[in-house]
């Protein structure tokens, strides 16, 4: 990597010197070259070059990376390198005990889902799915992504209903069109911030509203 950067600097220097021969003389060509380089790179002492561009990884300005987040969802089922990011194995056990009441499955069901569960199975919408998730990451009320505590016996489960992807909705007649809207609700869960557990409201799916129209 260092060799490539060294060659890049040499090439840029060579090109700038060629340009100078076809233009008015510059008072300090080497200084001008550094100024040009600084507009592209961060240049340190000894012409040490660091790329200051934003990488793809930097678009997610935290440690929370997962397939669901990339797909635009508000939570992560599994966070890449979750244990390395949280180091929950090093957290004081007293912190877990302090929030023990949260480590359970929240089976509270939104009224819209509860009412639907009373309907005959054959009449239930086929374009929704209901299950309990144990999110390792989630978006807060101020749009910050947080690591949710999920470790060993200390699990936080939440019952959610989600809209299925369009390609999954294959049971309706071709002439029917279904429009679905995903609704969300904020749940209070235990998250980890700078190695300390705290309560935080995070955004999770609640229910899916669908309507069907005939073409």
C-alpha atoms as a PDB file:
ATOM      1  CA  UNK A   1       0.000   0.000   0.000  1.00  0.00           C
ATOM      2  CA  UNK A   2       2.829   2.382   0.910  1.00  0.00           C
ATOM      3  CA  UNK A   3       4.575   1.587  -2.389  1.00  0.00           C
ATOM      4  CA  UNK A   4       1.420   2.383  -4.373  1.00  0.00           C
ATOM      5  CA  UNK A   5       1.009   5.727  -2.607  1.00  0.00           C
ATOM      6  CA  UNK A   6       4.672   6.536  -3.230  1.00  0.00           C
ATOM      7  CA  UNK A   7       4.266   5.807  -6.946  1.00  0.00           C
ATOM      8  CA  UNK A   8       1.072   7.873  -7.017  1.00  0.00           C
ATOM      9  CA  UNK A   9       2.860  10.879  -5.549  1.00  0.00           C
ATOM     10  CA  UNK A  10       5.648  10.523  -8.118  1.00  0.00           C
ATOM     11  CA  UNK A  11       3.154  10.339 -10.989  1.00  0.00           C
ATOM     12  CA  UNK A  12       1.272  13.407  -9.759  1.00  0.00           C
ATOM     13  CA  UNK A  13       4.549  15.302  -9.410  1.00  0.00           C
ATOM     14  CA  UNK A  14       5.578  14.339 -12.944  1.00  0.00           C
ATOM     15  CA  UNK A  15       2.234  15.419 -14.423  1.00  0.00           C
ATOM     16  CA  UNK A  16       2.308  18.745 -12.617  1.00  0.00           C
ATOM     17  CA  UNK A  17       5.827  19.456 -13.875  1.00  0.00           C
ATOM     18  CA  UNK A  18       4.702  18.758 -17.456  1.00  0.00           C
ATOM     19  CA  UNK A  19       1.792  21.159 -17.049  1.00  0.00           C
ATOM     20  CA  UNK A  20       4.145  23.826 -15.774  1.00  0.00           C
ATOM     21  CA  UNK A  21       6.180  23.761 -18.999  1.00  0.00           C
ATOM     22  CA  UNK A  22       3.080  24.724 -20.982  1.00  0.00           C
ATOM     23  CA  UNK A  23       2.006  27.510 -18.648  1.00  0.00           C
ATOM     24  CA  UNK A  24       3.461  30.512 -16.886  1.00  0.00           C
ATOM     25  CA  UNK A  25       6.318  29.717 -14.474  1.00  0.00           C
ATOM     26  CA  UNK A  26       5.279  29.205 -10.850  1.00  0.00           C
ATOM     27  CA  UNK A  27       7.096  30.842  -7.994  1.00  0.00           C
ATOM     28  CA  UNK A  28       7.329  27.595  -6.007  1.00  0.00           C
ATOM     29  CA  UNK A  29       6.363  24.487  -7.997  1.00  0.00           C
ATOM     30  CA  UNK A  30       6.891  22.082  -5.105  1.00  0.00           C
ATOM     31  CA  UNK A  31       4.669  24.130  -2.795  1.00  0.00           C
ATOM     32  CA  UNK A  32       1.995  24.364  -5.470  1.00  0.00           C
ATOM     33  CA  UNK A  33       2.146  20.610  -5.935  1.00  0.00           C
ATOM     34  CA  UNK A  34       1.559  20.065  -2.215  1.00  0.00           C
ATOM     35  CA  UNK A  35      -1.420  22.395  -2.284  1.00  0.00           C
ATOM     36  CA  UNK A  36      -2.922  20.410  -5.134  1.00  0.00           C
ATOM     37  CA  UNK A  37      -2.286  17.155  -3.327  1.00  0.00           C
ATOM     38  CA  UNK A  38      -3.891  18.537  -0.167  1.00  0.00           C
ATOM     39  CA  UNK A  39      -7.069  19.205  -2.121  1.00  0.00           C
ATOM     40  CA  UNK A  40      -7.290  15.464  -2.781  1.00  0.00           C
ATOM     41  CA  UNK A  41      -5.402  13.857   0.090  1.00  0.00           C
ATOM     42  CA  UNK A  42      -4.424  14.591   3.637  1.00  0.00           C
ATOM     43  CA  UNK A  43      -0.669  15.137   3.419  1.00  0.00           C
ATOM     44  CA  UNK A  44       1.436  14.665   6.534  1.00  0.00           C
ATOM     45  CA  UNK A  45       5.096  15.353   7.293  1.00  0.00           C
ATOM     46  CA  UNK A  46       7.489  13.669   4.882  1.00  0.00           C
ATOM     47  CA  UNK A  47       4.860  13.600   2.096  1.00  0.00           C
ATOM     48  CA  UNK A  48       2.986  10.836   3.895  1.00  0.00           C
ATOM     49  CA  UNK A  49      -0.328  10.506   2.078  1.00  0.00           C
ATOM     50  CA  UNK A  50      -3.607   9.399   3.632  1.00  0.00           C
ATOM     51  CA  UNK A  51      -6.781   9.026   1.609  1.00  0.00           C
ATOM     52  CA  UNK A  52      -9.474  11.186   3.211  1.00  0.00           C
ATOM     53  CA  UNK A  53     -12.321   9.958   1.021  1.00  0.00           C
ATOM     54  CA  UNK A  54     -15.362   8.328   2.570  1.00  0.00           C
ATOM     55  CA  UNK A  55     -15.245   4.557   2.230  1.00  0.00           C
ATOM     56  CA  UNK A  56     -18.318   2.344   2.013  1.00  0.00           C
ATOM     57  CA  UNK A  57     -17.712   1.237   5.590  1.00  0.00           C
ATOM     58  CA  UNK A  58     -17.754   4.855   6.779  1.00  0.00           C
ATOM     59  CA  UNK A  59     -21.296   5.299   5.488  1.00  0.00           C
ATOM     60  CA  UNK A  60     -22.338   3.349   8.573  1.00  0.00           C
ATOM     61  CA  UNK A  61     -20.660   5.545  11.147  1.00  0.00           C
ATOM     62  CA  UNK A  62     -20.802   2.962  13.902  1.00  0.00           C
ATOM     63  CA  UNK A  63     -20.155  -0.709  14.555  1.00  0.00           C
ATOM     64  CA  UNK A  64     -23.690  -1.838  13.737  1.00  0.00           C
ATOM     65  CA  UNK A  65     -23.641  -3.593  10.385  1.00  0.00           C
ATOM     66  CA  UNK A  66     -26.233  -6.136   9.278  1.00  0.00           C
ATOM     67  CA  UNK A  67     -28.323  -7.296   6.329  1.00  0.00           C
ATOM     68  CA  UNK A  68     -31.524  -5.771   7.719  1.00  0.00           C
ATOM     69  CA  UNK A  69     -29.984  -2.311   8.077  1.00  0.00           C
ATOM     70  CA  UNK A  70     -28.623  -2.450   4.542  1.00  0.00           C
ATOM     71  CA  UNK A  71     -32.157  -3.333   3.407  1.00  0.00           C
ATOM     72  CA  UNK A  72     -33.582  -0.234   5.123  1.00  0.00           C
ATOM     73  CA  UNK A  73     -35.069  -1.874   8.220  1.00  0.00           C
ATOM     74  CA  UNK A  74     -34.939  -0.306  11.672  1.00  0.00           C
ATOM     75  CA  UNK A  75     -33.334  -3.250  13.456  1.00  0.00           C
ATOM     76  CA  UNK A  76     -30.677  -5.939  13.107  1.00  0.00           C
ATOM     77  CA  UNK A  77     -31.370  -9.566  13.921  1.00  0.00           C
ATOM     78  CA  UNK A  78     -27.650 -10.291  13.973  1.00  0.00           C
ATOM     79  CA  UNK A  79     -24.918  -7.657  14.068  1.00  0.00           C
ATOM     80  CA  UNK A  80     -21.611  -8.489  12.408  1.00  0.00           C
ATOM     81  CA  UNK A  81     -18.939  -9.011  15.087  1.00  0.00           C
ATOM     82  CA  UNK A  82     -21.548  -8.453  17.808  1.00  0.00           C
ATOM     83  CA  UNK A  83     -19.486  -9.939  20.648  1.00  0.00           C
ATOM     84  CA  UNK A  84     -16.366  -8.020  19.621  1.00  0.00           C
ATOM     85  CA  UNK A  85     -18.373  -4.783  19.494  1.00  0.00           C
ATOM     86  CA  UNK A  86     -20.177  -5.271  22.820  1.00  0.00           C
ATOM     87  CA  UNK A  87     -17.716  -7.364  24.855  1.00  0.00           C
ATOM     88  CA  UNK A  88     -20.673  -8.419  26.953  1.00  0.00           C
ATOM     89  CA  UNK A  89     -18.530 -11.215  28.368  1.00  0.00           C
ATOM     90  CA  UNK A  90     -16.570  -8.529  30.233  1.00  0.00           C
ATOM     91  CA  UNK A  91     -19.569  -6.574  31.546  1.00  0.00           C
ATOM     92  CA  UNK A  92     -20.143  -6.669  35.308  1.00  0.00           C
ATOM     93  CA  UNK A  93     -22.867  -9.291  36.071  1.00  0.00           C
ATOM     94  CA  UNK A  94     -24.517  -6.757  38.370  1.00  0.00           C
ATOM     95  CA  UNK A  95     -25.454  -4.717  35.304  1.00  0.00           C
ATOM     96  CA  UNK A  96     -27.393  -7.670  33.902  1.00  0.00           C
ATOM     97  CA  UNK A  97     -29.176  -8.207  37.213  1.00  0.00           C
ATOM     98  CA  UNK A  98     -30.090  -4.535  37.434  1.00  0.00           C
ATOM     99  CA  UNK A  99     -32.160  -4.864  34.254  1.00  0.00           C
ATOM    100  CA  UNK A 100     -33.311  -8.477  34.694  1.00  0.00           C
ATOM    101  CA  UNK A 101     -36.979  -7.501  34.269  1.00  0.00           C
ATOM    102  CA  UNK A 102     -36.252  -6.630  30.624  1.00  0.00           C
ATOM    103  CA  UNK A 103     -34.735  -9.988  29.760  1.00  0.00           C
ATOM    104  CA  UNK A 104     -37.874 -11.799  28.703  1.00  0.00           C
ATOM    105  CA  UNK A 105     -40.085 -12.244  25.660  1.00  0.00           C
ATOM    106  CA  UNK A 106     -42.426  -9.279  25.205  1.00  0.00           C
ATOM    107  CA  UNK A 107     -45.544 -10.975  23.872  1.00  0.00           C
ATOM    108  CA  UNK A 108     -47.666  -7.833  24.083  1.00  0.00           C
ATOM    109  CA  UNK A 109     -49.602  -7.718  20.845  1.00  0.00           C
ATOM    110  CA  UNK A 110     -50.905  -4.567  19.129  1.00  0.00           C
ATOM    111  CA  UNK A 111     -54.704  -4.513  19.093  1.00  0.00           C
ATOM    112  CA  UNK A 112     -54.814  -4.815  15.307  1.00  0.00           C
ATOM    113  CA  UNK A 113     -52.899  -8.093  15.458  1.00  0.00           C
ATOM    114  CA  UNK A 114     -54.834  -9.430  18.436  1.00  0.00           C
ATOM    115  CA  UNK A 115     -58.135  -8.843  16.648  1.00  0.00           C
ATOM    116  CA  UNK A 116     -56.835 -10.514  13.522  1.00  0.00           C
ATOM    117  CA  UNK A 117     -55.754 -13.605  15.472  1.00  0.00           C
ATOM    118  CA  UNK A 118     -59.416 -14.215  16.323  1.00  0.00           C
ATOM    119  CA  UNK A 119     -60.304 -14.460  12.644  1.00  0.00           C
ATOM    120  CA  UNK A 120     -60.456 -17.869  10.986  1.00  0.00           C
ATOM    121  CA  UNK A 121     -57.020 -19.026   9.813  1.00  0.00           C
ATOM    122  CA  UNK A 122     -58.159 -19.221   6.185  1.00  0.00           C
ATOM    123  CA  UNK A 123     -59.027 -15.523   6.267  1.00  0.00           C
ATOM    124  CA  UNK A 124     -55.751 -14.280   7.705  1.00  0.00           C
ATOM    125  CA  UNK A 125     -53.652 -12.112   5.393  1.00  0.00           C
ATOM    126  CA  UNK A 126     -50.974 -14.159   3.645  1.00  0.00           C
ATOM    127  CA  UNK A 127     -48.721 -11.158   3.087  1.00  0.00           C
ATOM    128  CA  UNK A 128     -47.744 -10.670   6.730  1.00  0.00           C
ATOM    129  CA  UNK A 129     -45.551 -12.645   9.092  1.00  0.00           C
ATOM    130  CA  UNK A 130     -45.629 -12.596  12.883  1.00  0.00           C
ATOM    131  CA  UNK A 131     -42.754 -13.828  15.019  1.00  0.00           C
ATOM    132  CA  UNK A 132     -40.594 -13.037  18.025  1.00  0.00           C
ATOM    133  CA  UNK A 133     -37.280 -11.353  17.231  1.00  0.00           C
ATOM    134  CA  UNK A 134     -34.214 -10.837  19.416  1.00  0.00           C
ATOM    135  CA  UNK A 135     -32.622  -7.747  17.862  1.00  0.00           C
ATOM    136  CA  UNK A 136     -28.911  -7.172  18.412  1.00  0.00           C
ATOM    137  CA  UNK A 137     -29.138  -3.643  17.035  1.00  0.00           C
ATOM    138  CA  UNK A 138     -31.890  -1.067  16.573  1.00  0.00           C
ATOM    139  CA  UNK A 139     -32.549   2.559  15.671  1.00  0.00           C
ATOM    140  CA  UNK A 140     -33.351   4.975  18.498  1.00  0.00           C
ATOM    141  CA  UNK A 141     -35.881   7.813  18.518  1.00  0.00           C
ATOM    142  CA  UNK A 142     -33.150  10.260  17.486  1.00  0.00           C
ATOM    143  CA  UNK A 143     -32.136   8.030  14.540  1.00  0.00           C
ATOM    144  CA  UNK A 144     -28.979   6.727  16.246  1.00  0.00           C
ATOM    145  CA  UNK A 145     -28.147   3.048  15.917  1.00  0.00           C
ATOM    146  CA  UNK A 146     -27.589   1.249  19.218  1.00  0.00           C
ATOM    147  CA  UNK A 147     -26.415  -2.198  20.296  1.00  0.00           C
ATOM    148  CA  UNK A 148     -29.185  -4.095  22.080  1.00  0.00           C
ATOM    149  CA  UNK A 149     -28.142  -6.407  24.913  1.00  0.00           C
ATOM    150  CA  UNK A 150     -28.609 -10.081  23.958  1.00  0.00           C
ATOM    151  CA  UNK A 151     -26.324 -12.424  25.871  1.00  0.00           C
ATOM    152  CA  UNK A 152     -26.719 -15.988  27.138  1.00  0.00           C
ATOM    153  CA  UNK A 153     -29.780 -16.194  29.366  1.00  0.00           C
ATOM    154  CA  UNK A 154     -30.260 -12.435  29.111  1.00  0.00           C
ATOM    155  CA  UNK A 155     -32.397 -12.180  25.985  1.00  0.00           C
ATOM    156  CA  UNK A 156     -34.931  -9.513  25.002  1.00  0.00           C
ATOM    157  CA  UNK A 157     -37.592 -10.882  22.673  1.00  0.00           C
ATOM    158  CA  UNK A 158     -40.220  -8.731  20.957  1.00  0.00           C
ATOM    159  CA  UNK A 159     -43.296  -9.929  19.067  1.00  0.00           C
ATOM    160  CA  UNK A 160     -43.546  -8.164  15.703  1.00  0.00           C
ATOM    161  CA  UNK A 161     -45.648  -8.375  12.582  1.00  0.00           C
ATOM    162  CA  UNK A 162     -43.930  -7.504   9.311  1.00  0.00           C
ATOM    163  CA  UNK A 163     -45.019  -7.106   5.722  1.00  0.00           C
ATOM    164  CA  UNK A 164     -43.654  -9.836   3.489  1.00  0.00           C
ATOM    165  CA  UNK A 165     -41.645  -8.941   0.428  1.00  0.00           C
ATOM    166  CA  UNK A 166     -43.631  -8.590  -2.785  1.00  0.00           C
ATOM    167  CA  UNK A 167     -42.136 -11.761  -4.242  1.00  0.00           C
ATOM    168  CA  UNK A 168     -43.371 -13.717  -1.216  1.00  0.00           C
ATOM    169  CA  UNK A 169     -47.024 -12.781  -1.827  1.00  0.00           C
ATOM    170  CA  UNK A 170     -47.910 -15.526  -4.265  1.00  0.00           C
ATOM    171  CA  UNK A 171     -51.305 -16.688  -2.988  1.00  0.00           C
ATOM    172  CA  UNK A 172     -53.447 -13.866  -4.361  1.00  0.00           C
ATOM    173  CA  UNK A 173     -55.093 -14.021  -7.818  1.00  0.00           C
ATOM    174  CA  UNK A 174     -53.102 -12.276 -10.528  1.00  0.00           C
ATOM    175  CA  UNK A 175     -55.861  -9.727 -11.065  1.00  0.00           C
ATOM    176  CA  UNK A 176     -55.711  -8.601  -7.420  1.00  0.00           C
ATOM    177  CA  UNK A 177     -53.283  -5.946  -6.205  1.00  0.00           C
ATOM    178  CA  UNK A 178     -52.285  -5.705  -2.559  1.00  0.00           C
ATOM    179  CA  UNK A 179     -50.791  -2.571  -1.024  1.00  0.00           C
ATOM    180  CA  UNK A 180     -49.166  -2.962   2.371  1.00  0.00           C
ATOM    181  CA  UNK A 181     -47.788  -0.413   4.807  1.00  0.00           C
ATOM    182  CA  UNK A 182     -45.393  -1.335   7.592  1.00  0.00           C
ATOM    183  CA  UNK A 183     -46.168   0.354  10.905  1.00  0.00           C
ATOM    184  CA  UNK A 184     -43.681   0.825  13.721  1.00  0.00           C
ATOM    185  CA  UNK A 185     -43.711   1.316  17.466  1.00  0.00           C
ATOM    186  CA  UNK A 186     -41.030   2.299  19.973  1.00  0.00           C
ATOM    187  CA  UNK A 187     -40.082  -0.348  22.543  1.00  0.00           C
ATOM    188  CA  UNK A 188     -38.013   0.284  25.638  1.00  0.00           C
ATOM    189  CA  UNK A 189     -35.062  -2.128  25.572  1.00  0.00           C
ATOM    190  CA  UNK A 190     -31.727  -2.385  27.339  1.00  0.00           C
ATOM    191  CA  UNK A 191     -28.860  -1.213  25.137  1.00  0.00           C
ATOM    192  CA  UNK A 192     -25.121  -0.913  25.608  1.00  0.00           C
ATOM    193  CA  UNK A 193     -23.466   2.509  25.303  1.00  0.00           C
ATOM    194  CA  UNK A 194     -19.731   2.822  25.991  1.00  0.00           C
ATOM    195  CA  UNK A 195     -19.787  -0.409  27.974  1.00  0.00           C
ATOM    196  CA  UNK A 196     -22.677   0.694  30.190  1.00  0.00           C
ATOM    197  CA  UNK A 197     -26.222  -0.679  30.040  1.00  0.00           C
ATOM    198  CA  UNK A 198     -29.123   1.746  29.866  1.00  0.00           C
ATOM    199  CA  UNK A 199     -32.772   1.866  28.841  1.00  0.00           C
ATOM    200  CA  UNK A 200     -33.569   3.306  25.437  1.00  0.00           C
ATOM    201  CA  UNK A 201     -36.619   3.554  23.189  1.00  0.00           C
ATOM    202  CA  UNK A 202     -35.917   1.817  19.877  1.00  0.00           C
ATOM    203  CA  UNK A 203     -37.941   1.574  16.679  1.00  0.00           C
ATOM    204  CA  UNK A 204     -39.336  -1.869  15.837  1.00  0.00           C
ATOM    205  CA  UNK A 205     -42.066  -3.149  13.491  1.00  0.00           C
ATOM    206  CA  UNK A 206     -45.520  -3.362  15.061  1.00  0.00           C
ATOM    207  CA  UNK A 207     -48.010  -4.432  12.410  1.00  0.00           C
ATOM    208  CA  UNK A 208     -48.624  -4.486   8.676  1.00  0.00           C
ATOM    209  CA  UNK A 209     -51.700  -2.774   7.199  1.00  0.00           C
ATOM    210  CA  UNK A 210     -52.769  -4.195   3.839  1.00  0.00           C
ATOM    211  CA  UNK A 211     -55.569  -3.453   1.420  1.00  0.00           C
ATOM    212  CA  UNK A 212     -56.474  -5.426  -1.707  1.00  0.00           C
ATOM    213  CA  UNK A 213     -57.943  -4.006  -4.884  1.00  0.00           C
ATOM    214  CA  UNK A 214     -59.037  -5.716  -8.103  1.00  0.00           C
ATOM    215  CA  UNK A 215     -57.643  -4.578 -11.429  1.00  0.00           C
END
